[in-house]
Amino acid sequence: MRAVVFERYGEPAEVREVADPEAAEHGVVVRVEATGLCRSDWHGWQGHDPDITLPHVPGHELAGTVEAVGARVTRWRPGDRVTVPFVCACGGCPACAAGDQQVCERQTQPGFTHWGSFAQYVALDHADVNLVAVPEDLSFATAASLGCRFATAYRAVVQQGRVAAGEWVAVHGCGGVGLSAVMIAAASGARVVAVDVSPQALDLARTFGAAECVDAAAARDTAAAVRDLTGGGAHLSLDALGSPATCAASVDGLRRRGRHVQVGLLPSPTGTTPVPMARAIALELELLGSHGMAAHAYPPMLDLVRAGAVRPDLLVTRTIGLDAAPAALTALGTAPGAGVTVIEPWR
């Protein structure tokens, strides 16, 4: 098969012929019809993820058709249209038994723990626990975005963030996850303040329901701007980018007893990130993490998508072939851009 491969962190990846993957007894091989380009892929390419072993094929948000099935798989067969959360759970650990597959103790992640979906085929583990059926009326390009950015945003806003109609929600960083969060929060009846350095990203945020926008490139203090626009601070705030500055701004922009949800990854040399804990104590803030979403939690989200209440298809602003993927991966480091890029490996 053809796949995007890098052999050294931070050095250009290339498209080459590699061996086809094989299905584990509990897993499947999926023919990849579409896979999203995510900032997490860039972090992996930069060497920020300890699970990656070189040489490596990135890619973790995908949709396609089942090509081969392991001997112990009972729910799926070749030809099924599927997607999958980026966290593939084991199904047997205490976290999985509690229904928390997104924090499985023995999780695997395509594109991190093993070769991913910037390829014509990808192997996925524990298929009966992790695969999600893709309805015939949902395109593969739209379904691919559900496994990471959209499902991650849905859980962050609805399940972890506990959004309520009429609340103010601040979204710091309007890339794929952030724009998904804007759309989901607005559909939930919240009033959204979108924060980004990109005018294009803020234009898209307005299109997807943001009531107010803050240009972080021009504002001297984005947290103060959020507090001013919301009459005292957001009830719920998300750092959808992942940087010390956006994390701190998200916390600082909350009102009393507000809720911060950290969605974007926060790599650092020391493994820690400064957080304004004095404000968290004084205002009794909640600081929450959000890490994807389990496959069993997809139905309510899919119902909203199929009803047209949310439109993840509108987030896809560019579709490219596999040969263009290495340059697009590199570009994420300097110009994350707005909207979603989807790779179609068979183009």
C-alpha atoms as a PDB file:
ATOM      1  CA  MET A   1       0.000   0.000   0.000  1.00  0.00           C
ATOM      2  CA  ARG A   2       0.986   3.666  -0.254  1.00  0.00           C
ATOM      3  CA  ALA A   3       1.466   5.580   2.997  1.00  0.00           C
ATOM      4  CA  VAL A   4       2.966   8.767   4.425  1.00  0.00           C
ATOM      5  CA  VAL A   5       6.097   7.815   6.376  1.00  0.00           C
ATOM      6  CA  PHE A   6       8.577   9.803   8.459  1.00  0.00           C
ATOM      7  CA  GLU A   7      11.825   8.367   9.798  1.00  0.00           C
ATOM      8  CA  ARG A   8      13.027  11.303  11.914  1.00  0.00           C
ATOM      9  CA  TYR A   9      11.071  13.737  14.041  1.00  0.00           C
ATOM     10  CA  GLY A  10      10.572  17.118  12.432  1.00  0.00           C
ATOM     11  CA  GLU A  11      12.076  16.081   9.100  1.00  0.00           C
ATOM     12  CA  PRO A  12       9.973  15.844   5.921  1.00  0.00           C
ATOM     13  CA  ALA A  13       7.736  12.827   5.564  1.00  0.00           C
ATOM     14  CA  GLU A  14       7.351  11.093   2.208  1.00  0.00           C
ATOM     15  CA  VAL A  15       4.851   8.886   0.416  1.00  0.00           C
ATOM     16  CA  ARG A  16       6.183   5.399  -0.213  1.00  0.00           C
ATOM     17  CA  GLU A  17       5.148   1.791  -0.700  1.00  0.00           C
ATOM     18  CA  VAL A  18       4.963  -0.190   2.551  1.00  0.00           C
ATOM     19  CA  ALA A  19       3.564  -3.562   3.594  1.00  0.00           C
ATOM     20  CA  ASP A  20      -0.188  -3.878   4.050  1.00  0.00           C
ATOM     21  CA  PRO A  21      -1.295  -4.200   7.702  1.00  0.00           C
ATOM     22  CA  GLU A  22      -2.796  -7.421   9.064  1.00  0.00           C
ATOM     23  CA  ALA A  23      -5.819  -7.746  11.335  1.00  0.00           C
ATOM     24  CA  ALA A  24      -5.280  -8.919  14.909  1.00  0.00           C
ATOM     25  CA  GLU A  25      -7.641 -11.648  16.129  1.00  0.00           C
ATOM     26  CA  HIS A  26      -9.749  -8.986  17.859  1.00  0.00           C
ATOM     27  CA  GLY A  27      -9.248  -6.343  15.178  1.00  0.00           C
ATOM     28  CA  VAL A  28      -9.906  -5.355  11.598  1.00  0.00           C
ATOM     29  CA  VAL A  29      -8.148  -3.777   8.664  1.00  0.00           C
ATOM     30  CA  VAL A  30     -10.011  -0.794   7.206  1.00  0.00           C
ATOM     31  CA  ARG A  31      -9.626   0.538   3.680  1.00  0.00           C
ATOM     32  CA  VAL A  32      -9.216   4.262   4.402  1.00  0.00           C
ATOM     33  CA  GLU A  33     -11.556   6.394   2.303  1.00  0.00           C
ATOM     34  CA  ALA A  34     -10.913   9.651   4.184  1.00  0.00           C
ATOM     35  CA  THR A  35      -8.689  10.772   7.039  1.00  0.00           C
ATOM     36  CA  GLY A  36      -8.436  14.158   8.709  1.00  0.00           C
ATOM     37  CA  LEU A  37      -5.291  16.203   9.216  1.00  0.00           C
ATOM     38  CA  CYS A  38      -5.110  17.142  12.906  1.00  0.00           C
ATOM     39  CA  ARG A  39      -2.707  19.219  14.972  1.00  0.00           C
ATOM     40  CA  SER A  40      -2.139  16.102  17.098  1.00  0.00           C
ATOM     41  CA  ASP A  41      -0.542  14.528  14.006  1.00  0.00           C
ATOM     42  CA  TRP A  42       1.847  17.478  13.892  1.00  0.00           C
ATOM     43  CA  HIS A  43       2.683  17.008  17.578  1.00  0.00           C
ATOM     44  CA  GLY A  44       3.491  13.344  16.878  1.00  0.00           C
ATOM     45  CA  TRP A  45       5.693  14.272  13.926  1.00  0.00           C
ATOM     46  CA  GLN A  46       7.545  16.745  16.151  1.00  0.00           C
ATOM     47  CA  GLY A  47       8.348  14.007  18.680  1.00  0.00           C
ATOM     48  CA  HIS A  48       5.933  15.119  21.400  1.00  0.00           C
ATOM     49  CA  ASP A  49       4.330  11.688  21.857  1.00  0.00           C
ATOM     50  CA  PRO A  50       6.343   8.961  23.643  1.00  0.00           C
ATOM     51  CA  ASP A  51       4.252   6.148  22.142  1.00  0.00           C
ATOM     52  CA  ILE A  52       5.567   6.685  18.615  1.00  0.00           C
ATOM     53  CA  THR A  53       8.271   4.373  17.280  1.00  0.00           C
ATOM     54  CA  LEU A  54      10.133   5.333  14.109  1.00  0.00           C
ATOM     55  CA  PRO A  55       9.661   4.894  11.195  1.00  0.00           C
ATOM     56  CA  HIS A  56       6.053   5.940  11.534  1.00  0.00           C
ATOM     57  CA  VAL A  57       2.816   6.526   9.635  1.00  0.00           C
ATOM     58  CA  PRO A  58       0.614   9.253  11.221  1.00  0.00           C
ATOM     59  CA  GLY A  59      -3.164   9.673  11.047  1.00  0.00           C
ATOM     60  CA  HIS A  60      -5.875   8.929  13.601  1.00  0.00           C
ATOM     61  CA  GLU A  61      -9.244  10.347  12.472  1.00  0.00           C
ATOM     62  CA  LEU A  62     -10.604   8.167   9.712  1.00  0.00           C
ATOM     63  CA  ALA A  63     -13.513   6.532   7.992  1.00  0.00           C
ATOM     64  CA  GLY A  64     -13.641   3.747   5.444  1.00  0.00           C
ATOM     65  CA  THR A  65     -14.791   0.208   4.753  1.00  0.00           C
ATOM     66  CA  VAL A  66     -13.823  -2.970   6.559  1.00  0.00           C
ATOM     67  CA  GLU A  67     -11.369  -4.924   4.411  1.00  0.00           C
ATOM     68  CA  ALA A  68     -10.400  -7.860   6.673  1.00  0.00           C
ATOM     69  CA  VAL A  69     -11.730  -9.179   9.978  1.00  0.00           C
ATOM     70  CA  GLY A  70      -9.942 -11.010  12.806  1.00  0.00           C
ATOM     71  CA  ALA A  71     -11.131 -14.450  13.914  1.00  0.00           C
ATOM     72  CA  ARG A  72     -12.623 -13.196  17.201  1.00  0.00           C
ATOM     73  CA  VAL A  73     -14.596 -10.278  15.726  1.00  0.00           C
ATOM     74  CA  THR A  74     -18.371 -10.900  15.788  1.00  0.00           C
ATOM     75  CA  ARG A  75     -20.072  -7.580  14.949  1.00  0.00           C
ATOM     76  CA  TRP A  76     -18.353  -6.562  11.713  1.00  0.00           C
ATOM     77  CA  ARG A  77     -17.647  -7.979   8.284  1.00  0.00           C
ATOM     78  CA  PRO A  78     -15.899  -6.890   5.087  1.00  0.00           C
ATOM     79  CA  GLY A  79     -17.683  -4.053   3.290  1.00  0.00           C
ATOM     80  CA  ASP A  80     -19.116  -2.405   6.421  1.00  0.00           C
ATOM     81  CA  ARG A  81     -18.825   1.390   6.455  1.00  0.00           C
ATOM     82  CA  VAL A  82     -17.139   2.429   9.704  1.00  0.00           C
ATOM     83  CA  THR A  83     -15.380   5.093  11.687  1.00  0.00           C
ATOM     84  CA  VAL A  84     -13.614   4.820  15.033  1.00  0.00           C
ATOM     85  CA  PRO A  85     -12.644   6.989  18.005  1.00  0.00           C
ATOM     86  CA  PHE A  86      -8.961   7.871  18.052  1.00  0.00           C
ATOM     87  CA  VAL A  87      -8.733   6.016  21.375  1.00  0.00           C
ATOM     88  CA  CYS A  88      -9.205   2.317  20.700  1.00  0.00           C
ATOM     89  CA  ALA A  89     -10.158   0.771  24.039  1.00  0.00           C
ATOM     90  CA  CYS A  90      -9.391  -2.736  25.237  1.00  0.00           C
ATOM     91  CA  GLY A  91     -12.907  -3.362  26.554  1.00  0.00           C
ATOM     92  CA  GLY A  92     -11.722  -5.246  29.631  1.00  0.00           C
ATOM     93  CA  CYS A  93      -9.950  -2.885  32.042  1.00  0.00           C
ATOM     94  CA  PRO A  94     -11.687  -1.173  35.007  1.00  0.00           C
ATOM     95  CA  ALA A  95     -12.038   2.105  33.057  1.00  0.00           C
ATOM     96  CA  CYS A  96     -13.758   0.278  30.185  1.00  0.00           C
ATOM     97  CA  ALA A  97     -15.993  -1.603  32.614  1.00  0.00           C
ATOM     98  CA  ALA A  98     -17.108   1.775  33.952  1.00  0.00           C
ATOM     99  CA  GLY A  99     -17.957   2.955  30.433  1.00  0.00           C
ATOM    100  CA  ASP A 100     -14.938   5.257  30.241  1.00  0.00           C
ATOM    101  CA  GLN A 101     -13.286   3.780  27.154  1.00  0.00           C
ATOM    102  CA  GLN A 102     -11.846   7.186  26.225  1.00  0.00           C
ATOM    103  CA  VAL A 103      -9.393   6.778  29.122  1.00  0.00           C
ATOM    104  CA  CYS A 104      -8.849   3.031  28.723  1.00  0.00           C
ATOM    105  CA  GLU A 105      -5.857   1.766  30.717  1.00  0.00           C
ATOM    106  CA  ARG A 106      -4.611  -0.339  27.785  1.00  0.00           C
ATOM    107  CA  GLN A 107      -5.677   1.885  24.912  1.00  0.00           C
ATOM    108  CA  THR A 108      -4.144   1.920  21.466  1.00  0.00           C
ATOM    109  CA  GLN A 109      -4.266   4.852  19.086  1.00  0.00           C
ATOM    110  CA  PRO A 110      -3.751   4.565  15.321  1.00  0.00           C
ATOM    111  CA  GLY A 111      -1.129   7.062  14.269  1.00  0.00           C
ATOM    112  CA  PHE A 112       0.512   6.996  17.707  1.00  0.00           C
ATOM    113  CA  THR A 113       0.859   3.543  19.283  1.00  0.00           C
ATOM    114  CA  HIS A 114       0.976   1.969  15.816  1.00  0.00           C
ATOM    115  CA  TRP A 115       0.850   3.010  12.157  1.00  0.00           C
ATOM    116  CA  GLY A 116      -2.089   5.212  11.326  1.00  0.00           C
ATOM    117  CA  SER A 117      -4.458   6.284   8.585  1.00  0.00           C
ATOM    118  CA  PHE A 118      -2.285   8.445   6.300  1.00  0.00           C
ATOM    119  CA  ALA A 119      -2.314   5.295   4.226  1.00  0.00           C
ATOM    120  CA  GLN A 120      -4.558   3.218   2.028  1.00  0.00           C
ATOM    121  CA  TYR A 121      -5.198   0.721   4.837  1.00  0.00           C
ATOM    122  CA  VAL A 122      -5.037   0.839   8.641  1.00  0.00           C
ATOM    123  CA  ALA A 123      -5.286  -1.809  11.361  1.00  0.00           C
ATOM    124  CA  LEU A 124      -7.655  -1.151  14.281  1.00  0.00           C
ATOM    125  CA  ASP A 125      -7.794  -3.050  17.580  1.00  0.00           C
ATOM    126  CA  HIS A 126     -10.735  -4.530  19.514  1.00  0.00           C
ATOM    127  CA  ALA A 127     -13.188  -3.864  16.710  1.00  0.00           C
ATOM    128  CA  ASP A 128     -16.295  -5.025  18.562  1.00  0.00           C
ATOM    129  CA  VAL A 129     -15.652  -2.363  21.235  1.00  0.00           C
ATOM    130  CA  ASN A 130     -14.484   0.497  19.043  1.00  0.00           C
ATOM    131  CA  LEU A 131     -15.989   0.567  15.557  1.00  0.00           C
ATOM    132  CA  VAL A 132     -18.944   2.833  14.821  1.00  0.00           C
ATOM    133  CA  ALA A 133     -21.241   2.252  11.840  1.00  0.00           C
ATOM    134  CA  VAL A 134     -21.311   5.086   9.307  1.00  0.00           C
ATOM    135  CA  PRO A 135     -24.820   5.676   7.910  1.00  0.00           C
ATOM    136  CA  GLU A 136     -25.149   5.503   4.127  1.00  0.00           C
ATOM    137  CA  ASP A 137     -26.245   9.149   3.994  1.00  0.00           C
ATOM    138  CA  LEU A 138     -23.048  10.332   5.734  1.00  0.00           C
ATOM    139  CA  SER A 139     -20.008  10.929   3.526  1.00  0.00           C
ATOM    140  CA  PHE A 140     -16.668   9.409   4.467  1.00  0.00           C
ATOM    141  CA  ALA A 141     -15.102  12.886   4.591  1.00  0.00           C
ATOM    142  CA  THR A 142     -17.663  13.979   7.190  1.00  0.00           C
ATOM    143  CA  ALA A 143     -17.442  10.717   9.137  1.00  0.00           C
ATOM    144  CA  ALA A 144     -13.648  10.946   9.334  1.00  0.00           C
ATOM    145  CA  SER A 145     -13.882  14.182  11.321  1.00  0.00           C
ATOM    146  CA  LEU A 146     -16.064  12.535  13.973  1.00  0.00           C
ATOM    147  CA  GLY A 147     -13.342  10.269  15.367  1.00  0.00           C
ATOM    148  CA  CYS A 148     -11.236  13.060  16.794  1.00  0.00           C
ATOM    149  CA  ARG A 149     -12.096  16.730  16.340  1.00  0.00           C
ATOM    150  CA  PHE A 150     -15.898  16.620  16.345  1.00  0.00           C
ATOM    151  CA  ALA A 151     -16.389  13.867  18.922  1.00  0.00           C
ATOM    152  CA  THR A 152     -13.714  15.462  21.092  1.00  0.00           C
ATOM    153  CA  ALA A 153     -15.491  18.813  20.880  1.00  0.00           C
ATOM    154  CA  TYR A 154     -18.885  17.203  21.551  1.00  0.00           C
ATOM    155  CA  ARG A 155     -17.690  15.494  24.716  1.00  0.00           C
ATOM    156  CA  ALA A 156     -15.801  18.611  25.854  1.00  0.00           C
ATOM    157  CA  VAL A 157     -18.817  20.896  25.429  1.00  0.00           C
ATOM    158  CA  VAL A 158     -21.749  18.622  26.253  1.00  0.00           C
ATOM    159  CA  GLN A 159     -20.479  15.885  28.558  1.00  0.00           C
ATOM    160  CA  GLN A 160     -17.484  17.358  30.360  1.00  0.00           C
ATOM    161  CA  GLY A 161     -18.443  21.028  30.032  1.00  0.00           C
ATOM    162  CA  ARG A 162     -22.150  20.449  30.806  1.00  0.00           C
ATOM    163  CA  VAL A 163     -23.192  23.325  28.564  1.00  0.00           C
ATOM    164  CA  ALA A 164     -26.616  24.830  29.201  1.00  0.00           C
ATOM    165  CA  ALA A 165     -28.790  27.029  27.011  1.00  0.00           C
ATOM    166  CA  GLY A 166     -28.219  30.714  27.652  1.00  0.00           C
ATOM    167  CA  GLU A 167     -24.709  30.294  29.042  1.00  0.00           C
ATOM    168  CA  TRP A 168     -21.667  32.072  27.662  1.00  0.00           C
ATOM    169  CA  VAL A 169     -19.076  29.718  26.171  1.00  0.00           C
ATOM    170  CA  ALA A 170     -15.597  30.900  25.197  1.00  0.00           C
ATOM    171  CA  VAL A 171     -13.610  28.887  22.661  1.00  0.00           C
ATOM    172  CA  HIS A 172      -9.899  29.654  22.486  1.00  0.00           C
ATOM    173  CA  GLY A 173      -8.481  28.445  19.173  1.00  0.00           C
ATOM    174  CA  CYS A 174     -10.734  28.003  16.151  1.00  0.00           C
ATOM    175  CA  GLY A 175      -9.129  25.206  14.220  1.00  0.00           C
ATOM    176  CA  GLY A 176     -11.019  21.979  13.589  1.00  0.00           C
ATOM    177  CA  VAL A 177     -11.766  21.179  17.245  1.00  0.00           C
ATOM    178  CA  GLY A 178     -12.521  24.796  18.132  1.00  0.00           C
ATOM    179  CA  LEU A 179     -14.892  25.379  15.233  1.00  0.00           C
ATOM    180  CA  SER A 180     -16.623  22.100  16.082  1.00  0.00           C
ATOM    181  CA  ALA A 181     -17.017  23.338  19.659  1.00  0.00           C
ATOM    182  CA  VAL A 182     -18.455  26.651  18.430  1.00  0.00           C
ATOM    183  CA  MET A 183     -21.003  24.804  16.315  1.00  0.00           C
ATOM    184  CA  ILE A 184     -21.986  22.372  19.086  1.00  0.00           C
ATOM    185  CA  ALA A 185     -22.246  25.054  21.790  1.00  0.00           C
ATOM    186  CA  ALA A 186     -24.359  27.303  19.547  1.00  0.00           C
ATOM    187  CA  ALA A 187     -26.635  24.360  18.676  1.00  0.00           C
ATOM    188  CA  SER A 188     -27.053  23.772  22.428  1.00  0.00           C
ATOM    189  CA  GLY A 189     -28.437  27.285  22.870  1.00  0.00           C
ATOM    190  CA  ALA A 190     -25.279  28.830  24.320  1.00  0.00           C
ATOM    191  CA  ARG A 191     -23.835  32.214  23.365  1.00  0.00           C
ATOM    192  CA  VAL A 192     -20.323  31.724  22.039  1.00  0.00           C
ATOM    193  CA  VAL A 193     -17.263  33.954  22.108  1.00  0.00           C
ATOM    194  CA  ALA A 194     -14.649  32.725  19.615  1.00  0.00           C
ATOM    195  CA  VAL A 195     -10.985  33.661  20.146  1.00  0.00           C
ATOM    196  CA  ASP A 196      -8.297  33.249  17.493  1.00  0.00           C
ATOM    197  CA  VAL A 197      -5.441  35.080  15.761  1.00  0.00           C
ATOM    198  CA  SER A 198      -6.779  34.290  12.283  1.00  0.00           C
ATOM    199  CA  PRO A 199      -9.438  36.519  10.674  1.00  0.00           C
ATOM    200  CA  GLN A 200     -10.431  33.589   8.442  1.00  0.00           C
ATOM    201  CA  ALA A 201     -10.976  31.357  11.485  1.00  0.00           C
ATOM    202  CA  LEU A 202     -13.083  34.036  13.175  1.00  0.00           C
ATOM    203  CA  ASP A 203     -15.171  34.485  10.016  1.00  0.00           C
ATOM    204  CA  LEU A 204     -15.885  30.748  10.042  1.00  0.00           C
ATOM    205  CA  ALA A 205     -16.706  30.901  13.757  1.00  0.00           C
ATOM    206  CA  ARG A 206     -19.312  33.593  13.057  1.00  0.00           C
ATOM    207  CA  THR A 207     -20.749  31.443  10.264  1.00  0.00           C
ATOM    208  CA  PHE A 208     -21.037  28.500  12.653  1.00  0.00           C
ATOM    209  CA  GLY A 209     -22.841  30.452  15.369  1.00  0.00           C
ATOM    210  CA  ALA A 210     -20.380  32.570  17.374  1.00  0.00           C
ATOM    211  CA  ALA A 211     -22.148  35.607  18.825  1.00  0.00           C
ATOM    212  CA  GLU A 212     -18.885  37.479  19.505  1.00  0.00           C
ATOM    213  CA  CYS A 213     -15.299  37.199  18.304  1.00  0.00           C
ATOM    214  CA  VAL A 214     -11.985  38.300  19.805  1.00  0.00           C
ATOM    215  CA  ASP A 215      -8.974  38.839  17.546  1.00  0.00           C
ATOM    216  CA  ALA A 216      -6.180  37.506  19.754  1.00  0.00           C
ATOM    217  CA  ALA A 217      -3.569  39.072  17.493  1.00  0.00           C
ATOM    218  CA  ALA A 218      -4.929  42.541  18.239  1.00  0.00           C
ATOM    219  CA  ALA A 219      -6.295  42.239  21.776  1.00  0.00           C
ATOM    220  CA  ARG A 220      -3.861  43.149  24.555  1.00  0.00           C
ATOM    221  CA  ASP A 221      -5.632  40.818  27.000  1.00  0.00           C
ATOM    222  CA  THR A 222      -7.940  38.185  25.502  1.00  0.00           C
ATOM    223  CA  ALA A 223      -9.241  37.074  28.902  1.00  0.00           C
ATOM    224  CA  ALA A 224     -10.263  40.641  29.741  1.00  0.00           C
ATOM    225  CA  ALA A 225     -11.950  40.945  26.352  1.00  0.00           C
ATOM    226  CA  VAL A 226     -13.939  37.765  27.037  1.00  0.00           C
ATOM    227  CA  ARG A 227     -14.971  39.016  30.475  1.00  0.00           C
ATOM    228  CA  ASP A 228     -16.111  42.330  28.991  1.00  0.00           C
ATOM    229  CA  LEU A 229     -18.130  40.710  26.199  1.00  0.00           C
ATOM    230  CA  THR A 230     -19.832  38.246  28.542  1.00  0.00           C
ATOM    231  CA  GLY A 231     -20.655  40.616  31.379  1.00  0.00           C
ATOM    232  CA  GLY A 232     -18.255  39.113  33.898  1.00  0.00           C
ATOM    233  CA  GLY A 233     -16.813  36.029  32.268  1.00  0.00           C
ATOM    234  CA  ALA A 234     -17.752  32.840  30.471  1.00  0.00           C
ATOM    235  CA  HIS A 235     -19.649  30.092  32.254  1.00  0.00           C
ATOM    236  CA  LEU A 236     -17.699  27.527  30.240  1.00  0.00           C
ATOM    237  CA  SER A 237     -14.393  28.023  28.458  1.00  0.00           C
ATOM    238  CA  LEU A 238     -12.350  25.662  26.280  1.00  0.00           C
ATOM    239  CA  ASP A 239      -8.710  25.775  25.293  1.00  0.00           C
ATOM    240  CA  ALA A 240      -9.033  24.051  21.931  1.00  0.00           C
ATOM    241  CA  LEU A 241      -5.524  24.969  20.763  1.00  0.00           C
ATOM    242  CA  GLY A 242      -3.224  23.872  23.548  1.00  0.00           C
ATOM    243  CA  SER A 243      -0.614  26.398  24.650  1.00  0.00           C
ATOM    244  CA  PRO A 244       0.331  27.941  28.009  1.00  0.00           C
ATOM    245  CA  ALA A 245      -1.092  31.274  26.822  1.00  0.00           C
ATOM    246  CA  THR A 246      -4.468  29.927  25.650  1.00  0.00           C
ATOM    247  CA  CYS A 247      -4.820  27.692  28.703  1.00  0.00           C
ATOM    248  CA  ALA A 248      -4.228  30.618  31.062  1.00  0.00           C
ATOM    249  CA  ALA A 249      -6.506  32.917  29.057  1.00  0.00           C
ATOM    250  CA  SER A 250      -9.284  30.339  29.156  1.00  0.00           C
ATOM    251  CA  VAL A 251      -9.107  30.087  32.952  1.00  0.00           C
ATOM    252  CA  ASP A 252      -8.729  33.842  33.421  1.00  0.00           C
ATOM    253  CA  GLY A 253     -11.766  34.546  31.239  1.00  0.00           C
ATOM    254  CA  LEU A 254     -14.189  32.589  33.455  1.00  0.00           C
ATOM    255  CA  ARG A 255     -16.775  34.037  35.812  1.00  0.00           C
ATOM    256  CA  ARG A 256     -17.232  32.781  39.361  1.00  0.00           C
ATOM    257  CA  ARG A 257     -17.737  29.016  39.544  1.00  0.00           C
ATOM    258  CA  GLY A 258     -17.027  28.722  35.816  1.00  0.00           C
ATOM    259  CA  ARG A 259     -15.739  25.613  34.090  1.00  0.00           C
ATOM    260  CA  HIS A 260     -12.517  25.333  32.064  1.00  0.00           C
ATOM    261  CA  VAL A 261     -12.073  22.322  29.769  1.00  0.00           C
ATOM    262  CA  GLN A 262      -8.598  21.597  28.424  1.00  0.00           C
ATOM    263  CA  VAL A 263      -8.883  19.996  24.995  1.00  0.00           C
ATOM    264  CA  GLY A 264      -5.704  20.978  23.145  1.00  0.00           C
ATOM    265  CA  LEU A 265      -2.520  19.068  23.959  1.00  0.00           C
ATOM    266  CA  LEU A 266       0.008  20.901  26.128  1.00  0.00           C
ATOM    267  CA  PRO A 267       3.473  19.473  25.468  1.00  0.00           C
ATOM    268  CA  SER A 268       6.295  21.060  27.418  1.00  0.00           C
ATOM    269  CA  PRO A 269       9.911  20.180  28.245  1.00  0.00           C
ATOM    270  CA  THR A 270       9.005  19.612  31.896  1.00  0.00           C
ATOM    271  CA  GLY A 271       5.665  17.917  31.298  1.00  0.00           C
ATOM    272  CA  THR A 272       3.797  20.608  33.221  1.00  0.00           C
ATOM    273  CA  THR A 273       2.002  23.839  32.280  1.00  0.00           C
ATOM    274  CA  PRO A 274       1.516  26.904  34.510  1.00  0.00           C
ATOM    275  CA  VAL A 275      -2.167  27.410  35.384  1.00  0.00           C
ATOM    276  CA  PRO A 276      -3.601  30.426  37.297  1.00  0.00           C
ATOM    277  CA  MET A 277      -4.615  28.349  40.299  1.00  0.00           C
ATOM    278  CA  ALA A 278      -5.053  31.374  42.588  1.00  0.00           C
ATOM    279  CA  ARG A 279      -7.991  32.450  40.440  1.00  0.00           C
ATOM    280  CA  ALA A 280      -9.304  28.873  40.372  1.00  0.00           C
ATOM    281  CA  ILE A 281      -9.343  28.799  44.170  1.00  0.00           C
ATOM    282  CA  ALA A 282     -10.775  32.274  44.705  1.00  0.00           C
ATOM    283  CA  LEU A 283     -13.621  31.839  42.204  1.00  0.00           C
ATOM    284  CA  GLU A 284     -14.181  28.099  42.818  1.00  0.00           C
ATOM    285  CA  LEU A 285     -13.494  27.240  39.199  1.00  0.00           C
ATOM    286  CA  GLU A 286     -13.615  23.738  37.775  1.00  0.00           C
ATOM    287  CA  LEU A 287     -10.611  22.643  35.698  1.00  0.00           C
ATOM    288  CA  LEU A 288     -11.407  19.619  33.531  1.00  0.00           C
ATOM    289  CA  GLY A 289      -9.650  17.559  30.914  1.00  0.00           C
ATOM    290  CA  SER A 290     -11.327  15.996  27.887  1.00  0.00           C
ATOM    291  CA  HIS A 291      -9.844  13.133  25.893  1.00  0.00           C
ATOM    292  CA  GLY A 292     -11.929  12.023  22.935  1.00  0.00           C
ATOM    293  CA  MET A 293     -15.180  10.084  23.284  1.00  0.00           C
ATOM    294  CA  ALA A 294     -16.047   6.419  23.609  1.00  0.00           C
ATOM    295  CA  ALA A 295     -17.726   4.621  20.704  1.00  0.00           C
ATOM    296  CA  HIS A 296     -20.830   3.811  22.773  1.00  0.00           C
ATOM    297  CA  ALA A 297     -21.417   7.565  23.285  1.00  0.00           C
ATOM    298  CA  TYR A 298     -21.683   8.345  19.545  1.00  0.00           C
ATOM    299  CA  PRO A 299     -25.462   7.841  18.970  1.00  0.00           C
ATOM    300  CA  PRO A 300     -26.704  11.204  20.372  1.00  0.00           C
ATOM    301  CA  MET A 301     -24.029  13.035  18.382  1.00  0.00           C
ATOM    302  CA  LEU A 302     -24.861  11.109  15.214  1.00  0.00           C
ATOM    303  CA  ASP A 303     -28.546  11.889  15.725  1.00  0.00           C
ATOM    304  CA  LEU A 304     -27.734  15.625  15.760  1.00  0.00           C
ATOM    305  CA  VAL A 305     -25.591  15.263  12.634  1.00  0.00           C
ATOM    306  CA  ARG A 306     -28.226  13.310  10.702  1.00  0.00           C
ATOM    307  CA  ALA A 307     -30.947  15.774  11.775  1.00  0.00           C
ATOM    308  CA  GLY A 308     -28.858  18.676  10.471  1.00  0.00           C
ATOM    309  CA  ALA A 309     -28.701  20.359  13.883  1.00  0.00           C
ATOM    310  CA  VAL A 310     -24.915  20.389  13.554  1.00  0.00           C
ATOM    311  CA  ARG A 311     -23.040  20.320  10.245  1.00  0.00           C
ATOM    312  CA  PRO A 312     -19.540  18.834  10.516  1.00  0.00           C
ATOM    313  CA  ASP A 313     -19.507  18.589   6.725  1.00  0.00           C
ATOM    314  CA  LEU A 314     -19.270  22.393   6.561  1.00  0.00           C
ATOM    315  CA  LEU A 315     -16.015  22.271   8.526  1.00  0.00           C
ATOM    316  CA  VAL A 316     -14.249  20.473   5.663  1.00  0.00           C
ATOM    317  CA  THR A 317     -12.648  23.308   3.709  1.00  0.00           C
ATOM    318  CA  ARG A 318     -10.043  21.349   1.722  1.00  0.00           C
ATOM    319  CA  THR A 319      -9.685  17.832   0.328  1.00  0.00           C
ATOM    320  CA  ILE A 320      -6.279  16.578  -0.842  1.00  0.00           C
ATOM    321  CA  GLY A 321      -4.655  13.378  -2.051  1.00  0.00           C
ATOM    322  CA  LEU A 322      -1.993  11.385  -0.240  1.00  0.00           C
ATOM    323  CA  ASP A 323       0.861  12.987  -2.183  1.00  0.00           C
ATOM    324  CA  ALA A 324      -0.023  16.419  -0.777  1.00  0.00           C
ATOM    325  CA  ALA A 325      -0.204  15.187   2.826  1.00  0.00           C
ATOM    326  CA  PRO A 326       3.505  15.567   3.825  1.00  0.00           C
ATOM    327  CA  ALA A 327       3.549  19.277   2.938  1.00  0.00           C
ATOM    328  CA  ALA A 328       0.191  19.825   4.657  1.00  0.00           C
ATOM    329  CA  LEU A 329       1.501  18.141   7.807  1.00  0.00           C
ATOM    330  CA  THR A 330       4.575  20.365   7.841  1.00  0.00           C
ATOM    331  CA  ALA A 331       2.472  23.513   7.329  1.00  0.00           C
ATOM    332  CA  LEU A 332       0.468  22.869  10.517  1.00  0.00           C
ATOM    333  CA  GLY A 333       3.418  24.061  12.583  1.00  0.00           C
ATOM    334  CA  THR A 334       3.481  27.580  11.174  1.00  0.00           C
ATOM    335  CA  ALA A 335      -0.011  28.108   9.777  1.00  0.00           C
ATOM    336  CA  PRO A 336      -2.661  25.882  11.401  1.00  0.00           C
ATOM    337  CA  GLY A 337      -5.261  27.595   9.220  1.00  0.00           C
ATOM    338  CA  ALA A 338      -9.016  27.464   9.526  1.00  0.00           C
ATOM    339  CA  GLY A 339     -11.364  24.625   8.818  1.00  0.00           C
ATOM    340  CA  VAL A 340     -10.549  20.982   8.219  1.00  0.00           C
ATOM    341  CA  THR A 341      -8.263  19.332   5.669  1.00  0.00           C
ATOM    342  CA  VAL A 342      -9.284  15.797   4.669  1.00  0.00           C
ATOM    343  CA  ILE A 343      -6.917  13.388   2.916  1.00  0.00           C
ATOM    344  CA  GLU A 344      -8.359  10.839   0.485  1.00  0.00           C
ATOM    345  CA  PRO A 345      -5.617   8.194   0.170  1.00  0.00           C
ATOM    346  CA  TRP A 346      -6.915   6.672  -3.064  1.00  0.00           C
ATOM    347  CA  ARG A 347      -6.914   9.946  -5.023  1.00  0.00           C
END
